[in-house]
């Protein structure tokens, strides 16, 4: 009886530790990805998991058609899950104007 209470305390501490350092951050990351996919729009510049930059030209249920390159001939359908980062066109123009102002 004397040794069961400390053992239960350690198990509780271990579960709390796992929640705050493993489960909770994963849930937050999943929420961020879901919000990013929900905010996708035609014209957004995206970075894919394979490292390619492209522009979204069409959005369907869980697929997007991304246009790669400057000649506009390479259009590839891919899953939304293959997108790792999104840059909105408004963000790109803000950065360019801030760069011009700083010079």
Protein backbone atom coordinates (compact mmCIF):
# COMPACT_ATOMS: atom_id res chain seq x y z
CA UNK A 1 0.00 0.00 0.00
CA UNK A 2 2.84 2.35 0.81
CA UNK A 3 4.45 1.98 -2.60
CA UNK A 4 1.32 2.22 -4.75
CA UNK A 5 0.64 5.91 -4.06
CA UNK A 6 4.06 7.14 -5.28
CA UNK A 7 3.79 4.85 -8.29
CA UNK A 8 0.39 6.27 -9.20
CA UNK A 9 1.77 9.80 -8.77
CA UNK A 10 4.59 9.06 -11.22
CA UNK A 11 2.16 7.65 -13.76
CA UNK A 12 -0.01 10.76 -13.49
CA UNK A 13 3.05 13.00 -13.86
CA UNK A 14 4.16 11.01 -16.91
CA UNK A 15 0.73 11.32 -18.56
CA UNK A 16 0.63 15.08 -17.91
CA UNK A 17 4.16 15.44 -19.30
CA UNK A 18 3.23 13.49 -22.44
CA UNK A 19 0.15 15.64 -22.95
CA UNK A 20 1.98 18.97 -22.75
CA UNK A 21 5.05 17.94 -24.74
CA UNK A 22 3.63 15.56 -27.34
CA UNK A 23 -0.14 15.60 -27.79
CA UNK A 24 -0.93 19.30 -27.36
CA UNK A 25 1.70 20.63 -29.83
CA UNK A 26 0.57 18.10 -32.42
CA UNK A 27 -3.04 19.24 -32.03
CA UNK A 28 -2.01 22.90 -32.42
CA UNK A 29 -0.04 22.10 -35.58
CA UNK A 30 -3.02 20.22 -37.03
CA UNK A 31 -5.30 23.21 -36.34
CA UNK A 32 -2.81 25.53 -38.10
CA UNK A 33 -2.69 23.25 -41.16
CA UNK A 34 -6.47 23.03 -41.31
CA UNK A 35 -6.73 26.83 -41.14
CA UNK A 36 -4.06 27.19 -43.85
CA UNK A 37 -5.91 24.79 -46.17
CA UNK A 38 -9.21 26.57 -45.52
CA UNK A 39 -7.65 29.93 -46.42
CA UNK A 40 -6.23 28.75 -49.77
CA UNK A 41 -7.34 30.88 -52.70
CA UNK A 42 -6.66 31.07 -56.42
CA UNK A 43 -3.54 33.14 -57.04
CA UNK A 44 -1.73 32.16 -53.84
CA UNK A 45 1.93 31.20 -54.13
CA UNK A 46 2.58 27.86 -52.45
CA UNK A 47 5.58 25.77 -51.47
CA UNK A 48 5.11 22.03 -51.95
CA UNK A 49 6.59 19.21 -49.89
CA UNK A 50 8.97 18.48 -52.76
CA UNK A 51 10.36 22.04 -52.63
CA UNK A 52 8.67 23.54 -55.70
CA UNK A 53 7.09 26.99 -55.72
CA UNK A 54 3.93 27.44 -57.74
CA UNK A 55 0.73 29.43 -58.08
CA UNK A 56 -2.70 27.95 -57.42
CA UNK A 57 -4.95 28.21 -60.47
CA UNK A 58 -7.86 26.00 -59.38
CA UNK A 59 -9.16 24.50 -56.12
CA UNK A 60 -11.37 21.43 -55.82
CA UNK A 61 -12.42 19.41 -52.76
CA UNK A 62 -9.05 18.16 -51.52
CA UNK A 63 -6.97 18.77 -54.64
CA UNK A 64 -5.49 21.90 -56.15
CA UNK A 65 -4.03 22.61 -59.58
CA UNK A 66 -0.70 24.37 -59.27
CA UNK A 67 1.11 26.14 -62.09
CA UNK A 68 4.90 25.94 -62.02
CA UNK A 69 7.52 27.92 -63.93
CA UNK A 70 7.48 31.22 -65.75
CA UNK A 71 6.26 29.86 -69.10
CA UNK A 72 2.89 28.83 -67.59
CA UNK A 73 2.90 25.44 -69.35
CA UNK A 74 3.36 23.18 -66.35
CA UNK A 75 0.07 22.66 -64.50
CA UNK A 76 -0.04 19.79 -62.02
CA UNK A 77 -2.96 18.61 -59.88
CA UNK A 78 -1.92 17.69 -56.35
CA UNK A 79 -3.42 17.03 -52.95
CA UNK A 80 -3.76 19.91 -50.51
CA UNK A 81 -1.70 17.88 -48.04
CA UNK A 82 1.33 18.35 -50.34
CA UNK A 83 1.37 22.09 -49.57
CA UNK A 84 3.66 23.16 -46.74
CA UNK A 85 3.54 26.97 -46.93
CA UNK A 86 1.29 29.62 -48.48
CA UNK A 87 2.11 33.19 -49.43
CA UNK A 88 -0.76 35.49 -50.28
CA UNK A 89 -0.29 37.97 -53.16
CA UNK A 90 -1.00 40.87 -50.76
CA UNK A 91 1.86 39.76 -48.51
CA UNK A 92 4.31 39.72 -51.41
CA UNK A 93 3.42 43.26 -52.48
CA UNK A 94 3.74 44.52 -48.89
CA UNK A 95 7.26 43.09 -48.64
CA UNK A 96 8.29 44.64 -51.96
CA UNK A 97 7.01 48.09 -50.98
CA UNK A 98 8.72 47.88 -47.59
CA UNK A 99 12.01 46.96 -49.31
CA UNK A 100 11.71 49.98 -51.61
CA UNK A 101 10.96 52.30 -48.68
CA UNK A 102 13.97 51.06 -46.72
CA UNK A 103 16.38 51.79 -49.58
